[in-house]
């Protein structure tokens, strides 16, 4: 995965709600925390405009990021982000350092392709119902996918795809599936049209 996102950061000494408000209002910065990789958590701040621009891209949330912290590069992933309830801008962020030898646990988006060509929709008049938009995975940083792709083209009315049906790249796993069949949750289905399918309506008329 390429280093698509680079953010400028610096350590911050002042902490607490008052200091965070001053940081956002007077300095145009976002308070954050950097933790993990067996190091002490480090309070940091980032430039608000850089964060705002980066978060417009879906890939930001599932990429290994580069934090230029006090002039030195740190590899990290975003783990949590708090936004203003009405204005939507980022109020605080949590970053986890990346350790190349240990697996990451991340949420990555699902991209459903060929929905317009789906057999159950195009030929049978059904409608697509999404149960999930993202899924939790585990993998090493080098194997972290930007998203997982689910092909809808062959799905028929009444068919449901589950977590186990998602094609996974090498080195990537869905940890919840290790807990047994009951955890193989549905991700997408094709529902019958209202009033039933054309075949059912024909049987009813007979």
N, C-alpha and C. Protein backbone atom coordinates (compact mmCIF):
# COMPACT_ATOMS: atom_id res chain seq x y z
N UNK A 1 0.84 -1.20 0.00
CA UNK A 1 0.00 0.00 0.00
C UNK A 1 0.88 1.24 0.00
N UNK A 2 0.60 2.17 -0.85
CA UNK A 2 1.42 3.36 -0.98
C UNK A 2 1.14 4.34 0.15
N UNK A 3 2.13 5.20 0.42
CA UNK A 3 1.96 6.23 1.44
C UNK A 3 1.18 7.39 0.84
N UNK A 4 -0.11 7.25 0.82
CA UNK A 4 -0.96 8.22 0.17
C UNK A 4 -1.22 9.43 1.06
N UNK A 5 -1.17 9.25 2.37
CA UNK A 5 -1.55 10.32 3.28
C UNK A 5 -0.39 10.66 4.23
N UNK A 6 -0.02 11.92 4.25
CA UNK A 6 1.00 12.42 5.15
C UNK A 6 0.44 13.61 5.90
N UNK A 7 0.52 13.57 7.23
CA UNK A 7 0.02 14.64 8.08
C UNK A 7 1.14 15.20 8.93
N UNK A 8 1.15 16.51 9.08
CA UNK A 8 2.13 17.17 9.93
C UNK A 8 1.62 17.20 11.37
N UNK A 9 2.46 16.77 12.31
CA UNK A 9 2.06 16.71 13.71
C UNK A 9 3.18 17.21 14.60
N UNK A 10 2.80 17.59 15.82
CA UNK A 10 3.79 17.97 16.83
C UNK A 10 3.29 17.55 18.20
N UNK A 11 4.21 17.27 19.09
CA UNK A 11 3.81 16.90 20.44
C UNK A 11 3.24 18.13 21.14
N UNK A 12 2.33 17.88 22.07
CA UNK A 12 1.71 18.99 22.81
C UNK A 12 1.85 18.70 24.31
N UNK A 13 2.19 19.75 25.03
CA UNK A 13 2.37 19.61 26.48
C UNK A 13 1.07 19.87 27.22
N UNK A 14 0.38 20.93 26.81
CA UNK A 14 -0.86 21.30 27.49
C UNK A 14 -1.97 20.32 27.14
N UNK A 15 -2.66 19.82 28.17
CA UNK A 15 -3.75 18.88 27.96
C UNK A 15 -4.99 19.35 28.72
N UNK A 16 -6.10 18.63 28.50
CA UNK A 16 -7.34 19.02 29.14
C UNK A 16 -8.28 19.70 28.17
N UNK A 17 -9.53 19.85 28.56
CA UNK A 17 -10.56 20.42 27.68
C UNK A 17 -10.26 21.87 27.30
N UNK A 18 -9.80 22.65 28.28
CA UNK A 18 -9.51 24.05 28.00
C UNK A 18 -8.39 24.21 26.99
N UNK A 19 -7.35 23.43 27.18
CA UNK A 19 -6.20 23.50 26.25
C UNK A 19 -6.61 23.04 24.86
N UNK A 20 -7.45 22.02 24.79
CA UNK A 20 -7.90 21.52 23.49
C UNK A 20 -8.75 22.55 22.77
N UNK A 21 -9.61 23.26 23.52
CA UNK A 21 -10.44 24.31 22.91
C UNK A 21 -9.57 25.43 22.36
N UNK A 22 -8.56 25.83 23.12
CA UNK A 22 -7.66 26.89 22.65
C UNK A 22 -6.89 26.45 21.42
N UNK A 23 -6.49 25.18 21.41
CA UNK A 23 -5.74 24.64 20.27
C UNK A 23 -6.57 24.72 19.00
N UNK A 24 -7.84 24.34 19.12
CA UNK A 24 -8.72 24.34 17.94
C UNK A 24 -9.07 25.76 17.52
N UNK A 25 -9.40 26.61 18.50
CA UNK A 25 -9.92 27.94 18.17
C UNK A 25 -8.82 28.91 17.77
N UNK A 26 -7.72 28.92 18.47
CA UNK A 26 -6.69 29.93 18.27
C UNK A 26 -5.57 29.50 17.33
N UNK A 27 -5.30 28.19 17.26
CA UNK A 27 -4.17 27.74 16.46
C UNK A 27 -4.57 26.95 15.22
N UNK A 28 -5.85 26.67 15.07
CA UNK A 28 -6.29 25.92 13.89
C UNK A 28 -5.74 24.51 13.85
N UNK A 29 -5.69 23.88 15.04
CA UNK A 29 -5.14 22.53 15.13
C UNK A 29 -6.12 21.58 15.79
N UNK A 30 -5.90 20.29 15.55
CA UNK A 30 -6.75 19.23 16.11
C UNK A 30 -5.94 18.46 17.15
N UNK A 31 -6.42 18.37 18.40
CA UNK A 31 -5.74 17.54 19.38
C UNK A 31 -5.91 16.06 19.06
N UNK A 32 -4.88 15.28 19.36
CA UNK A 32 -4.94 13.85 19.06
C UNK A 32 -4.03 13.10 20.01
N UNK A 33 -4.08 11.77 19.94
CA UNK A 33 -3.22 10.92 20.74
C UNK A 33 -2.61 9.85 19.83
N UNK A 34 -1.36 9.55 20.05
CA UNK A 34 -0.66 8.51 19.29
C UNK A 34 -0.21 7.45 20.29
N UNK A 35 -0.63 6.20 20.08
CA UNK A 35 -0.30 5.16 21.06
C UNK A 35 0.07 3.86 20.33
N UNK A 36 0.46 2.85 21.10
CA UNK A 36 0.75 1.53 20.55
C UNK A 36 2.22 1.28 20.32
N UNK A 37 2.51 0.07 19.80
CA UNK A 37 3.88 -0.38 19.50
C UNK A 37 4.76 -0.34 20.75
N UNK A 38 4.15 -0.64 21.90
CA UNK A 38 4.88 -0.76 23.18
C UNK A 38 5.57 0.54 23.58
N UNK A 39 5.01 1.66 23.13
CA UNK A 39 5.54 2.96 23.53
C UNK A 39 4.46 3.71 24.33
N UNK A 40 4.92 4.68 25.10
CA UNK A 40 3.99 5.49 25.88
C UNK A 40 3.08 6.30 24.94
N UNK A 41 1.80 6.46 25.30
CA UNK A 41 0.92 7.32 24.51
C UNK A 41 1.47 8.75 24.44
N UNK A 42 1.39 9.33 23.26
CA UNK A 42 1.95 10.67 23.05
C UNK A 42 0.85 11.64 22.64
N UNK A 43 0.57 12.67 23.44
CA UNK A 43 -0.40 13.69 23.00
C UNK A 43 0.20 14.50 21.85
N UNK A 44 -0.54 14.64 20.78
CA UNK A 44 -0.05 15.37 19.62
C UNK A 44 -1.12 16.33 19.11
N UNK A 45 -0.74 17.18 18.18
CA UNK A 45 -1.71 18.04 17.49
C UNK A 45 -1.40 18.02 16.01
N UNK A 46 -2.45 18.20 15.20
CA UNK A 46 -2.32 18.19 13.75
C UNK A 46 -2.96 19.43 13.18
N UNK A 47 -2.56 19.81 11.98
CA UNK A 47 -3.14 20.97 11.31
C UNK A 47 -4.57 20.64 10.86
N UNK A 48 -5.51 21.47 11.25
CA UNK A 48 -6.93 21.20 10.95
C UNK A 48 -7.20 21.10 9.46
N UNK A 49 -6.55 21.96 8.67
CA UNK A 49 -6.82 21.94 7.23
C UNK A 49 -6.31 20.66 6.58
N UNK A 50 -5.17 20.12 7.06
CA UNK A 50 -4.66 18.86 6.53
C UNK A 50 -5.59 17.71 6.89
N UNK A 51 -6.08 17.71 8.13
CA UNK A 51 -7.00 16.65 8.56
C UNK A 51 -8.30 16.71 7.77
N UNK A 52 -8.84 17.90 7.60
CA UNK A 52 -10.10 18.06 6.87
C UNK A 52 -9.98 17.54 5.43
N UNK A 53 -8.88 17.88 4.78
CA UNK A 53 -8.67 17.44 3.40
C UNK A 53 -8.51 15.93 3.32
N UNK A 54 -7.73 15.35 4.26
CA UNK A 54 -7.48 13.90 4.24
C UNK A 54 -8.76 13.11 4.49
N UNK A 55 -9.59 13.57 5.41
CA UNK A 55 -10.79 12.81 5.77
C UNK A 55 -11.89 12.87 4.71
N UNK A 56 -11.71 13.69 3.70
CA UNK A 56 -12.66 13.69 2.59
C UNK A 56 -12.51 12.44 1.73
N UNK A 57 -11.39 11.76 1.86
CA UNK A 57 -11.11 10.57 1.06
C UNK A 57 -11.39 9.32 1.89
N UNK A 58 -12.25 8.44 1.39
CA UNK A 58 -12.60 7.21 2.11
C UNK A 58 -11.38 6.38 2.46
N UNK A 59 -10.37 6.40 1.58
CA UNK A 59 -9.18 5.58 1.78
C UNK A 59 -8.39 5.98 3.01
N UNK A 60 -8.56 7.19 3.49
CA UNK A 60 -7.84 7.66 4.68
C UNK A 60 -8.05 6.74 5.87
N UNK A 61 -9.26 6.20 5.99
CA UNK A 61 -9.63 5.43 7.18
C UNK A 61 -9.09 4.00 7.15
N UNK A 62 -8.57 3.55 6.03
CA UNK A 62 -8.06 2.18 5.94
C UNK A 62 -6.66 2.13 5.32
N UNK A 63 -5.91 3.22 5.49
CA UNK A 63 -4.54 3.29 4.99
C UNK A 63 -3.56 3.38 6.15
N UNK A 64 -2.35 2.91 5.91
CA UNK A 64 -1.25 3.23 6.81
C UNK A 64 -0.82 4.66 6.49
N UNK A 65 -0.88 5.52 7.49
CA UNK A 65 -0.62 6.94 7.32
C UNK A 65 0.80 7.28 7.75
N UNK A 66 1.30 8.39 7.26
CA UNK A 66 2.59 8.89 7.71
C UNK A 66 2.37 10.16 8.52
N UNK A 67 2.74 10.11 9.79
CA UNK A 67 2.71 11.30 10.64
C UNK A 67 4.13 11.84 10.73
N UNK A 68 4.32 13.05 10.29
CA UNK A 68 5.62 13.70 10.44
C UNK A 68 5.59 14.43 11.78
N UNK A 69 6.01 13.71 12.83
CA UNK A 69 5.90 14.19 14.20
C UNK A 69 7.21 14.83 14.64
N UNK A 70 7.16 16.14 14.85
CA UNK A 70 8.36 16.90 15.23
C UNK A 70 9.52 16.61 14.27
N UNK A 71 9.19 16.47 12.99
CA UNK A 71 10.20 16.27 11.96
C UNK A 71 10.58 14.83 11.69
N UNK A 72 10.08 13.89 12.50
CA UNK A 72 10.39 12.48 12.30
C UNK A 72 9.13 11.72 11.88
N UNK A 73 9.29 10.79 10.95
CA UNK A 73 8.15 10.06 10.43
C UNK A 73 7.73 8.92 11.36
N UNK A 74 6.42 8.80 11.57
CA UNK A 74 5.82 7.70 12.32
C UNK A 74 4.73 7.09 11.44
N UNK A 75 4.71 5.78 11.33
CA UNK A 75 3.64 5.10 10.60
C UNK A 75 2.51 4.79 11.58
N UNK A 76 1.28 5.08 11.17
CA UNK A 76 0.14 4.90 12.06
C UNK A 76 -1.13 4.68 11.26
N UNK A 77 -2.16 4.23 11.97
CA UNK A 77 -3.50 4.11 11.38
C UNK A 77 -4.48 4.86 12.29
N UNK A 78 -5.54 5.36 11.70
CA UNK A 78 -6.57 6.05 12.48
C UNK A 78 -7.46 5.01 13.16
N UNK A 79 -7.67 5.16 14.46
CA UNK A 79 -8.49 4.21 15.21
C UNK A 79 -9.80 4.81 15.69
N UNK A 80 -9.83 6.12 15.89
CA UNK A 80 -11.07 6.75 16.35
C UNK A 80 -11.00 8.23 16.02
N UNK A 81 -12.18 8.81 15.82
CA UNK A 81 -12.25 10.22 15.47
C UNK A 81 -13.56 10.80 16.00
N UNK A 82 -13.44 11.87 16.77
CA UNK A 82 -14.64 12.54 17.27
C UNK A 82 -14.90 13.81 16.46
N UNK A 83 -16.14 13.98 16.05
CA UNK A 83 -16.53 15.15 15.26
C UNK A 83 -17.51 16.02 16.02
N UNK A 84 -17.55 17.28 15.65
CA UNK A 84 -18.51 18.21 16.22
C UNK A 84 -19.92 17.73 15.85
N UNK A 85 -20.85 17.66 16.82
CA UNK A 85 -22.17 17.08 16.55
C UNK A 85 -22.98 17.78 15.48
N UNK A 86 -22.78 19.08 15.29
CA UNK A 86 -23.57 19.80 14.28
C UNK A 86 -22.73 20.28 13.10
N UNK A 87 -21.51 20.73 13.36
CA UNK A 87 -20.67 21.27 12.29
C UNK A 87 -19.91 20.18 11.55
N UNK A 88 -19.66 19.05 12.20
CA UNK A 88 -19.04 17.92 11.52
C UNK A 88 -17.53 17.92 11.45
N UNK A 89 -16.87 19.00 11.86
CA UNK A 89 -15.41 19.01 11.78
C UNK A 89 -14.81 18.15 12.88
N UNK A 90 -13.57 17.72 12.66
CA UNK A 90 -12.90 16.79 13.58
C UNK A 90 -12.49 17.53 14.85
N UNK A 91 -12.87 16.94 16.00
CA UNK A 91 -12.55 17.53 17.30
C UNK A 91 -11.36 16.85 17.96
N UNK A 92 -11.20 15.56 17.72
CA UNK A 92 -10.11 14.79 18.34
C UNK A 92 -9.90 13.51 17.54
N UNK A 93 -8.68 13.01 17.53
CA UNK A 93 -8.38 11.79 16.78
C UNK A 93 -7.44 10.89 17.58
N UNK A 94 -7.62 9.59 17.42
CA UNK A 94 -6.75 8.59 18.03
C UNK A 94 -6.01 7.86 16.92
N UNK A 95 -4.68 7.80 17.02
CA UNK A 95 -3.86 7.09 16.05
C UNK A 95 -3.12 5.96 16.75
N UNK A 96 -3.00 4.83 16.05
CA UNK A 96 -2.24 3.70 16.57
C UNK A 96 -0.97 3.52 15.75
N UNK A 97 0.17 3.46 16.43
CA UNK A 97 1.43 3.22 15.74
C UNK A 97 1.38 1.85 15.05
N UNK A 98 2.04 1.76 13.92
CA UNK A 98 2.09 0.51 13.17
C UNK A 98 3.37 -0.24 13.49
N UNK A 99 3.19 -1.49 13.92
CA UNK A 99 4.31 -2.39 14.14
C UNK A 99 4.28 -3.42 13.02
N UNK A 100 5.30 -3.42 12.18
CA UNK A 100 5.29 -4.25 10.98
C UNK A 100 5.20 -5.74 11.28
N UNK A 101 5.50 -6.14 12.51
CA UNK A 101 5.53 -7.58 12.85
C UNK A 101 4.25 -8.05 13.54
N UNK A 102 3.34 -7.14 13.84
CA UNK A 102 2.10 -7.52 14.52
C UNK A 102 0.88 -7.13 13.68
N UNK A 103 -0.15 -7.96 13.77
CA UNK A 103 -1.34 -7.74 12.96
C UNK A 103 -2.15 -6.55 13.49
N UNK A 104 -2.72 -5.83 12.54
CA UNK A 104 -3.65 -4.74 12.84
C UNK A 104 -5.07 -5.25 12.83
N UNK A 105 -5.92 -4.66 13.64
CA UNK A 105 -7.36 -4.90 13.56
C UNK A 105 -7.99 -3.61 13.07
N UNK A 106 -8.62 -3.67 11.88
CA UNK A 106 -9.12 -2.46 11.23
C UNK A 106 -10.51 -2.69 10.65
N UNK A 107 -11.28 -1.61 10.55
CA UNK A 107 -12.53 -1.61 9.80
C UNK A 107 -12.23 -1.14 8.38
N UNK A 108 -12.60 -1.92 7.39
CA UNK A 108 -12.42 -1.49 6.00
C UNK A 108 -13.77 -1.51 5.29
N UNK A 109 -13.97 -0.60 4.33
CA UNK A 109 -15.27 -0.53 3.64
C UNK A 109 -15.47 -1.68 2.66
N UNK A 110 -16.73 -2.01 2.44
CA UNK A 110 -17.11 -2.97 1.41
C UNK A 110 -17.55 -2.20 0.17
N UNK A 111 -17.02 -2.57 -0.98
CA UNK A 111 -17.43 -1.97 -2.25
C UNK A 111 -18.22 -3.03 -3.03
N UNK A 112 -19.49 -2.75 -3.24
CA UNK A 112 -20.37 -3.67 -3.97
C UNK A 112 -20.37 -3.27 -5.44
N UNK A 113 -19.86 -4.17 -6.29
CA UNK A 113 -19.75 -3.85 -7.72
C UNK A 113 -20.81 -4.60 -8.53
N UNK A 114 -21.09 -4.09 -9.73
CA UNK A 114 -22.05 -4.68 -10.67
C UNK A 114 -23.47 -4.74 -10.11
N UNK A 115 -23.82 -3.79 -9.25
CA UNK A 115 -25.20 -3.77 -8.74
C UNK A 115 -26.20 -3.52 -9.86
N UNK A 116 -25.81 -2.68 -10.84
CA UNK A 116 -26.72 -2.37 -11.94
C UNK A 116 -26.89 -3.54 -12.91
N UNK A 117 -25.94 -4.51 -12.85
CA UNK A 117 -26.00 -5.68 -13.72
C UNK A 117 -26.44 -6.94 -12.96
N UNK A 118 -26.77 -6.80 -11.69
CA UNK A 118 -27.16 -7.92 -10.85
C UNK A 118 -28.34 -8.68 -11.47
N UNK A 119 -28.20 -10.00 -11.62
CA UNK A 119 -29.23 -10.82 -12.26
C UNK A 119 -30.58 -10.70 -11.53
N UNK A 120 -30.53 -10.72 -10.21
CA UNK A 120 -31.77 -10.64 -9.44
C UNK A 120 -32.49 -9.33 -9.57
N UNK A 121 -31.77 -8.28 -9.94
CA UNK A 121 -32.38 -6.97 -10.13
C UNK A 121 -32.80 -6.78 -11.58
N UNK A 122 -31.85 -7.04 -12.48
CA UNK A 122 -32.08 -6.76 -13.90
C UNK A 122 -33.09 -7.72 -14.53
N UNK A 123 -33.02 -9.01 -14.17
CA UNK A 123 -33.85 -10.02 -14.81
C UNK A 123 -35.05 -10.45 -13.97
N UNK A 124 -34.97 -10.24 -12.64
CA UNK A 124 -36.03 -10.73 -11.77
C UNK A 124 -36.77 -9.63 -11.03
N UNK A 125 -36.36 -8.38 -11.22
CA UNK A 125 -37.08 -7.25 -10.62
C UNK A 125 -36.89 -7.07 -9.13
N UNK A 126 -35.86 -7.70 -8.57
CA UNK A 126 -35.62 -7.59 -7.14
C UNK A 126 -34.92 -6.29 -6.77
N UNK A 127 -34.70 -6.13 -5.48
CA UNK A 127 -34.01 -4.94 -4.97
C UNK A 127 -32.91 -5.37 -4.01
N UNK A 128 -31.83 -4.61 -4.02
CA UNK A 128 -30.67 -4.93 -3.19
C UNK A 128 -30.81 -4.32 -1.81
N UNK A 129 -30.50 -5.12 -0.80
CA UNK A 129 -30.57 -4.67 0.59
C UNK A 129 -29.21 -4.90 1.25
N UNK A 130 -28.52 -3.81 1.62
CA UNK A 130 -27.21 -3.93 2.25
C UNK A 130 -27.37 -4.06 3.76
N UNK A 131 -26.74 -5.07 4.33
CA UNK A 131 -26.73 -5.22 5.78
C UNK A 131 -25.46 -4.67 6.42
N UNK A 132 -24.39 -4.57 5.64
CA UNK A 132 -23.11 -4.04 6.14
C UNK A 132 -22.48 -3.12 5.10
N UNK A 133 -21.78 -2.11 5.61
CA UNK A 133 -21.03 -1.20 4.74
C UNK A 133 -19.53 -1.34 4.95
N UNK A 134 -19.14 -1.96 6.06
CA UNK A 134 -17.73 -2.18 6.36
C UNK A 134 -17.59 -3.43 7.20
N UNK A 135 -16.38 -3.94 7.30
CA UNK A 135 -16.14 -5.18 8.02
C UNK A 135 -14.80 -5.08 8.76
N UNK A 136 -14.73 -5.73 9.91
CA UNK A 136 -13.49 -5.74 10.69
C UNK A 136 -12.58 -6.86 10.21
N UNK A 137 -11.32 -6.51 9.94
CA UNK A 137 -10.35 -7.49 9.46
C UNK A 137 -9.10 -7.44 10.32
N UNK A 138 -8.26 -8.48 10.15
CA UNK A 138 -6.94 -8.51 10.77
C UNK A 138 -5.91 -8.84 9.72
N UNK A 139 -4.77 -8.15 9.78
CA UNK A 139 -3.67 -8.42 8.84
C UNK A 139 -2.45 -7.61 9.24
N UNK A 140 -1.33 -7.94 8.65
CA UNK A 140 -0.15 -7.11 8.83
C UNK A 140 -0.31 -5.81 8.04
N UNK A 141 0.42 -4.80 8.44
CA UNK A 141 0.30 -3.49 7.79
C UNK A 141 0.54 -3.57 6.29
N UNK A 142 1.48 -4.42 5.87
CA UNK A 142 1.81 -4.51 4.45
C UNK A 142 0.68 -5.12 3.63
N UNK A 143 -0.24 -5.83 4.29
CA UNK A 143 -1.34 -6.49 3.59
C UNK A 143 -2.67 -5.74 3.71
N UNK A 144 -2.66 -4.59 4.36
CA UNK A 144 -3.91 -3.87 4.63
C UNK A 144 -4.56 -3.40 3.33
N UNK A 145 -5.78 -3.89 3.03
CA UNK A 145 -6.46 -3.45 1.80
C UNK A 145 -7.21 -2.14 2.02
N UNK A 146 -7.33 -1.37 0.95
CA UNK A 146 -8.08 -0.12 1.03
C UNK A 146 -9.57 -0.40 1.19
N UNK A 147 -10.04 -1.47 0.57
CA UNK A 147 -11.43 -1.89 0.68
C UNK A 147 -11.51 -3.35 0.24
N UNK A 148 -12.67 -3.98 0.49
CA UNK A 148 -12.93 -5.33 0.02
C UNK A 148 -14.06 -5.28 -1.00
N UNK A 149 -13.91 -6.01 -2.08
CA UNK A 149 -14.85 -5.95 -3.19
C UNK A 149 -15.79 -7.14 -3.18
N UNK A 150 -17.08 -6.87 -3.37
CA UNK A 150 -18.11 -7.91 -3.43
C UNK A 150 -18.84 -7.79 -4.77
N UNK A 151 -18.76 -8.82 -5.59
CA UNK A 151 -19.37 -8.80 -6.93
C UNK A 151 -20.82 -9.26 -6.84
N UNK A 152 -21.75 -8.42 -7.30
CA UNK A 152 -23.18 -8.70 -7.20
C UNK A 152 -23.77 -9.30 -8.47
N UNK A 153 -23.00 -9.47 -9.53
CA UNK A 153 -23.56 -9.74 -10.85
C UNK A 153 -24.38 -11.03 -10.91
N UNK A 154 -23.99 -12.08 -10.18
CA UNK A 154 -24.67 -13.37 -10.28
C UNK A 154 -25.74 -13.57 -9.21
N UNK A 155 -25.92 -12.62 -8.34
CA UNK A 155 -26.90 -12.80 -7.26
C UNK A 155 -28.33 -12.81 -7.80
N UNK A 156 -29.16 -13.69 -7.22
CA UNK A 156 -30.54 -13.83 -7.63
C UNK A 156 -31.47 -13.44 -6.49
N UNK A 157 -32.75 -13.26 -6.83
CA UNK A 157 -33.75 -12.94 -5.83
C UNK A 157 -33.78 -14.04 -4.77
N UNK A 158 -33.78 -13.61 -3.52
CA UNK A 158 -33.81 -14.55 -2.41
C UNK A 158 -32.43 -14.98 -1.94
N UNK A 159 -31.38 -14.56 -2.62
CA UNK A 159 -30.03 -14.95 -2.26
C UNK A 159 -29.40 -13.93 -1.30
N UNK A 160 -28.63 -14.44 -0.36
CA UNK A 160 -27.93 -13.60 0.62
C UNK A 160 -26.46 -13.98 0.65
N UNK A 161 -25.59 -12.98 0.65
CA UNK A 161 -24.17 -13.22 0.82
C UNK A 161 -23.79 -12.93 2.27
N UNK A 162 -22.85 -13.72 2.80
CA UNK A 162 -22.41 -13.59 4.18
C UNK A 162 -20.93 -13.20 4.24
N UNK A 163 -20.45 -12.98 5.45
CA UNK A 163 -19.04 -12.61 5.63
C UNK A 163 -18.10 -13.60 4.97
N UNK A 164 -18.44 -14.88 5.07
CA UNK A 164 -17.57 -15.92 4.51
C UNK A 164 -17.53 -15.90 2.98
N UNK A 165 -18.44 -15.16 2.36
CA UNK A 165 -18.47 -15.07 0.90
C UNK A 165 -17.58 -13.95 0.36
N UNK A 166 -17.02 -13.14 1.24
CA UNK A 166 -16.17 -12.02 0.80
C UNK A 166 -14.81 -12.56 0.36
N UNK A 167 -14.40 -12.30 -0.88
CA UNK A 167 -13.06 -12.71 -1.31
C UNK A 167 -12.00 -11.88 -0.55
N UNK A 168 -11.07 -12.58 0.11
CA UNK A 168 -10.06 -11.90 0.91
C UNK A 168 -8.69 -11.98 0.25
N UNK A 169 -7.96 -10.87 0.24
CA UNK A 169 -6.58 -10.91 -0.27
C UNK A 169 -5.71 -11.77 0.62
N UNK A 170 -4.57 -12.18 0.12
CA UNK A 170 -3.63 -12.98 0.90
C UNK A 170 -3.22 -12.24 2.16
N UNK A 171 -3.22 -12.96 3.28
CA UNK A 171 -2.79 -12.38 4.54
C UNK A 171 -3.87 -11.67 5.32
N UNK A 172 -5.09 -11.62 4.78
CA UNK A 172 -6.20 -10.91 5.42
C UNK A 172 -7.22 -11.91 5.94
N UNK A 173 -7.72 -11.70 7.15
CA UNK A 173 -8.73 -12.57 7.71
C UNK A 173 -9.81 -11.75 8.42
N UNK A 174 -10.98 -12.37 8.55
CA UNK A 174 -12.09 -11.76 9.28
C UNK A 174 -12.20 -12.49 10.61
N UNK A 175 -11.73 -11.89 11.71
CA UNK A 175 -11.60 -12.62 12.97
C UNK A 175 -12.90 -13.17 13.53
N UNK A 176 -14.02 -12.49 13.30
CA UNK A 176 -15.27 -12.95 13.88
C UNK A 176 -15.68 -14.32 13.35
N UNK A 177 -15.22 -14.69 12.15
CA UNK A 177 -15.57 -15.99 11.58
C UNK A 177 -14.94 -17.14 12.36
N UNK A 178 -13.92 -16.84 13.13
CA UNK A 178 -13.28 -17.87 13.94
C UNK A 178 -14.14 -18.27 15.13
N UNK A 179 -15.20 -17.52 15.37
CA UNK A 179 -16.09 -17.79 16.51
C UNK A 179 -17.22 -18.75 16.16
N UNK A 180 -17.26 -19.23 14.93
CA UNK A 180 -18.24 -20.23 14.55
C UNK A 180 -19.26 -19.75 13.54
N UNK A 181 -20.07 -20.70 13.00
CA UNK A 181 -21.05 -20.38 11.95
C UNK A 181 -22.07 -19.33 12.35
N UNK A 182 -22.41 -19.26 13.63
CA UNK A 182 -23.41 -18.29 14.07
C UNK A 182 -22.95 -16.85 13.87
N UNK A 183 -21.65 -16.66 13.67
CA UNK A 183 -21.10 -15.31 13.50
C UNK A 183 -20.85 -14.96 12.03
N UNK A 184 -21.28 -15.85 11.14
CA UNK A 184 -21.15 -15.59 9.71
C UNK A 184 -22.34 -14.74 9.27
N UNK A 185 -22.25 -13.45 9.55
CA UNK A 185 -23.38 -12.54 9.40
C UNK A 185 -23.64 -12.18 7.94
N UNK A 186 -24.90 -11.86 7.60
CA UNK A 186 -25.22 -11.43 6.23
C UNK A 186 -24.66 -10.04 5.95
N UNK A 187 -24.24 -9.85 4.70
CA UNK A 187 -23.73 -8.53 4.29
C UNK A 187 -24.61 -7.87 3.25
N UNK A 188 -25.27 -8.68 2.39
CA UNK A 188 -26.11 -8.12 1.35
C UNK A 188 -27.08 -9.19 0.85
N UNK A 189 -28.27 -8.79 0.45
CA UNK A 189 -29.26 -9.73 -0.08
C UNK A 189 -30.02 -9.07 -1.22
N UNK A 190 -30.67 -9.92 -2.03
CA UNK A 190 -31.54 -9.42 -3.09
C UNK A 190 -32.97 -9.84 -2.74
N UNK A 191 -33.79 -8.85 -2.47
CA UNK A 191 -35.16 -9.11 -2.05
C UNK A 191 -36.09 -9.24 -3.25
N UNK A 192 -37.13 -10.04 -3.09
CA UNK A 192 -38.13 -10.19 -4.14
C UNK A 192 -38.90 -8.88 -4.31
N UNK A 193 -39.38 -8.62 -5.52
CA UNK A 193 -40.18 -7.41 -5.73
C UNK A 193 -41.48 -7.50 -4.95
N UNK A 194 -42.05 -6.36 -4.64
CA UNK A 194 -43.32 -6.34 -3.91
C UNK A 194 -44.39 -7.08 -4.70
N UNK A 195 -45.13 -7.91 -3.99
CA UNK A 195 -46.15 -8.71 -4.67
C UNK A 195 -45.60 -10.04 -5.14
N UNK A 196 -44.27 -10.28 -4.92
CA UNK A 196 -43.67 -11.55 -5.33
C UNK A 196 -43.08 -11.45 -6.71
N UNK A 197 -42.34 -12.48 -7.07
CA UNK A 197 -41.71 -12.51 -8.39
C UNK A 197 -42.74 -12.80 -9.46
N UNK A 198 -42.36 -12.60 -10.72
CA UNK A 198 -43.26 -12.86 -11.84
C UNK A 198 -43.67 -14.32 -11.85
N UNK A 199 -42.74 -15.22 -11.50
CA UNK A 199 -43.04 -16.65 -11.50
C UNK A 199 -44.10 -16.98 -10.45
N UNK A 200 -43.96 -16.34 -9.24
CA UNK A 200 -44.93 -16.58 -8.18
C UNK A 200 -46.29 -16.06 -8.56
N UNK A 201 -46.32 -14.88 -9.24
CA UNK A 201 -47.60 -14.31 -9.65
C UNK A 201 -48.29 -15.21 -10.67
N UNK A 202 -47.49 -15.82 -11.58
CA UNK A 202 -48.08 -16.73 -12.55
C UNK A 202 -48.67 -17.94 -11.90
N UNK A 203 -47.98 -18.50 -10.88
CA UNK A 203 -48.51 -19.66 -10.17
C UNK A 203 -49.78 -19.32 -9.44
N UNK A 204 -49.86 -18.10 -8.86
CA UNK A 204 -51.03 -17.68 -8.14
C UNK A 204 -52.24 -17.58 -9.08
N UNK A 205 -52.02 -17.06 -10.29
CA UNK A 205 -53.13 -16.91 -11.23
C UNK A 205 -53.66 -18.25 -11.69
N UNK A 206 -52.76 -19.26 -11.80
CA UNK A 206 -53.21 -20.58 -12.18
C UNK A 206 -54.07 -21.22 -11.10
